[in-house]
C-alpha atoms as a PDB file:
ATOM      1  CA  UNK A   1     -17.519 -33.434 -15.207  1.00  0.00           C
ATOM      2  CA  UNK A   2     -19.674 -32.306 -11.544  1.00  0.00           C
ATOM      3  CA  UNK A   3     -17.638 -31.497  -9.281  1.00  0.00           C
ATOM      4  CA  UNK A   4     -19.468 -32.182  -5.167  1.00  0.00           C
ATOM      5  CA  UNK A   5     -19.971 -29.421  -2.608  1.00  0.00           C
ATOM      6  CA  UNK A   6     -17.656 -31.461  -0.457  1.00  0.00           C
ATOM      7  CA  UNK A   7     -15.296 -31.900  -2.790  1.00  0.00           C
ATOM      8  CA  UNK A   8     -15.202 -27.513  -3.382  1.00  0.00           C
ATOM      9  CA  UNK A   9     -14.815 -27.272   0.058  1.00  0.00           C
ATOM     10  CA  UNK A  10     -12.488 -29.511   0.462  1.00  0.00           C
ATOM     11  CA  UNK A  11     -10.326 -27.528  -1.845  1.00  0.00           C
ATOM     12  CA  UNK A  12     -11.292 -24.741  -0.709  1.00  0.00           C
ATOM     13  CA  UNK A  13      -9.594 -25.210   2.856  1.00  0.00           C
ATOM     14  CA  UNK A  14      -6.415 -26.880   1.034  1.00  0.00           C
ATOM     15  CA  UNK A  15      -6.131 -23.800  -0.741  1.00  0.00           C
ATOM     16  CA  UNK A  16      -6.765 -21.904   2.122  1.00  0.00           C
ATOM     17  CA  UNK A  17      -4.511 -23.513   3.861  1.00  0.00           C
ATOM     18  CA  UNK A  18      -1.429 -23.353   1.473  1.00  0.00           C
ATOM     19  CA  UNK A  19       1.558 -21.369   3.055  1.00  0.00           C
ATOM     20  CA  UNK A  20       3.518 -19.886   0.610  1.00  0.00           C
ATOM     21  CA  UNK A  21       6.951 -18.178   1.679  1.00  0.00           C
ATOM     22  CA  UNK A  22       8.923 -16.101  -1.104  1.00  0.00           C
ATOM     23  CA  UNK A  23      12.260 -17.225  -1.741  1.00  0.00           C
ATOM     24  CA  UNK A  24      13.581 -13.662  -3.063  1.00  0.00           C
ATOM     25  CA  UNK A  25      12.784 -10.593  -5.345  1.00  0.00           C
ATOM     26  CA  UNK A  26      13.257  -9.210  -8.565  1.00  0.00           C
ATOM     27  CA  UNK A  27      14.816  -6.477  -7.321  1.00  0.00           C
ATOM     28  CA  UNK A  28      14.202  -2.993  -7.746  1.00  0.00           C
ATOM     29  CA  UNK A  29      14.522  -2.653 -11.351  1.00  0.00           C
ATOM     30  CA  UNK A  30      10.627  -4.453 -11.657  1.00  0.00           C
ATOM     31  CA  UNK A  31       9.384  -3.190  -7.866  1.00  0.00           C
ATOM     32  CA  UNK A  32       5.966  -1.687  -7.625  1.00  0.00           C
ATOM     33  CA  UNK A  33       6.408  -0.061  -4.177  1.00  0.00           C
ATOM     34  CA  UNK A  34       9.277   0.748  -2.232  1.00  0.00           C
ATOM     35  CA  UNK A  35       9.411   0.916   1.337  1.00  0.00           C
ATOM     36  CA  UNK A  36      10.637   4.225   3.735  1.00  0.00           C
ATOM     37  CA  UNK A  37      10.425   7.850   3.472  1.00  0.00           C
ATOM     38  CA  UNK A  38       9.758  10.504   5.312  1.00  0.00           C
ATOM     39  CA  UNK A  39       8.322   9.981   8.998  1.00  0.00           C
ATOM     40  CA  UNK A  40       4.889  10.524   9.307  1.00  0.00           C
ATOM     41  CA  UNK A  41       5.017  11.494  12.655  1.00  0.00           C
ATOM     42  CA  UNK A  42       5.968  14.763  11.606  1.00  0.00           C
ATOM     43  CA  UNK A  43       3.284  14.944   8.731  1.00  0.00           C
ATOM     44  CA  UNK A  44      -0.444  16.805   9.409  1.00  0.00           C
ATOM     45  CA  UNK A  45      -2.752  13.589   8.636  1.00  0.00           C
ATOM     46  CA  UNK A  46      -5.906  16.841   8.164  1.00  0.00           C
ATOM     47  CA  UNK A  47      -3.588  18.414   5.656  1.00  0.00           C
ATOM     48  CA  UNK A  48      -0.533  16.280   4.657  1.00  0.00           C
ATOM     49  CA  UNK A  49       1.786  19.641   5.621  1.00  0.00           C
ATOM     50  CA  UNK A  50       5.423  19.653   7.440  1.00  0.00           C
ATOM     51  CA  UNK A  51       4.393  20.873  10.580  1.00  0.00           C
ATOM     52  CA  UNK A  52       8.192  22.085  11.262  1.00  0.00           C
ATOM     53  CA  UNK A  53       7.544  23.907   8.097  1.00  0.00           C
ATOM     54  CA  UNK A  54       4.573  24.922   7.685  1.00  0.00           C
ATOM     55  CA  UNK A  55       3.360  25.665   3.152  1.00  0.00           C
ATOM     56  CA  UNK A  56       5.430  22.274   2.373  1.00  0.00           C
ATOM     57  CA  UNK A  57       3.554  19.918   2.154  1.00  0.00           C
ATOM     58  CA  UNK A  58       4.825  15.619   1.194  1.00  0.00           C
ATOM     59  CA  UNK A  59       2.012  13.557  -0.675  1.00  0.00           C
ATOM     60  CA  UNK A  60       1.999   9.387  -2.260  1.00  0.00           C
ATOM     61  CA  UNK A  61       4.923   7.285  -2.170  1.00  0.00           C
ATOM     62  CA  UNK A  62       7.643   9.975  -0.421  1.00  0.00           C
ATOM     63  CA  UNK A  63       6.115   9.339   2.689  1.00  0.00           C
ATOM     64  CA  UNK A  64       6.811   6.193   4.310  1.00  0.00           C
ATOM     65  CA  UNK A  65       3.162   4.923   3.847  1.00  0.00           C
ATOM     66  CA  UNK A  66       3.194   1.162   2.359  1.00  0.00           C
ATOM     67  CA  UNK A  67      -0.119  -0.340   1.311  1.00  0.00           C
ATOM     68  CA  UNK A  68      -0.513  -3.686  -0.281  1.00  0.00           C
ATOM     69  CA  UNK A  69      -0.634  -4.280  -4.126  1.00  0.00           C
ATOM     70  CA  UNK A  70      -3.805  -3.979  -5.893  1.00  0.00           C
ATOM     71  CA  UNK A  71      -4.046   0.104  -6.428  1.00  0.00           C
ATOM     72  CA  UNK A  72      -3.932   0.940  -2.992  1.00  0.00           C
ATOM     73  CA  UNK A  73      -0.529   2.668  -3.114  1.00  0.00           C
ATOM     74  CA  UNK A  74      -2.262   4.331  -5.924  1.00  0.00           C
ATOM     75  CA  UNK A  75      -5.197   5.653  -4.793  1.00  0.00           C
ATOM     76  CA  UNK A  76      -2.812   7.016  -1.327  1.00  0.00           C
ATOM     77  CA  UNK A  77      -0.682   9.035  -3.486  1.00  0.00           C
ATOM     78  CA  UNK A  78      -4.074  10.302  -5.493  1.00  0.00           C
ATOM     79  CA  UNK A  79      -6.101  10.743  -1.810  1.00  0.00           C
ATOM     80  CA  UNK A  80      -2.728  12.325  -0.378  1.00  0.00           C
ATOM     81  CA  UNK A  81      -2.099  14.450  -3.291  1.00  0.00           C
ATOM     82  CA  UNK A  82      -5.738  16.087  -3.284  1.00  0.00           C
ATOM     83  CA  UNK A  83      -6.186  16.668   0.348  1.00  0.00           C
ATOM     84  CA  UNK A  84      -2.573  18.906  -0.132  1.00  0.00           C
ATOM     85  CA  UNK A  85      -3.828  20.508  -2.511  1.00  0.00           C
ATOM     86  CA  UNK A  86      -7.161  21.488  -0.866  1.00  0.00           C
ATOM     87  CA  UNK A  87      -4.684  23.454   2.004  1.00  0.00           C
ATOM     88  CA  UNK A  88      -1.573  24.513  -0.135  1.00  0.00           C
END
């Protein structure tokens, strides 16, 4: 069956306008990302070093940085760890 461009556009518009509201969570047991952590105001964004305590570095999810699902949090963990490693 062929679907016209007009119908595809209409279906796309309907899907794009679809508003989904989560009704709850699976809980911490199945969580992929947690929120909270060390406030980034006290961390050098250039080195990941704690400003008040030279030589102490925090990276990844220990910091209060939360990305969307899809690998962003992994990338943040790897990148922040790499940067801290350069300066440690």
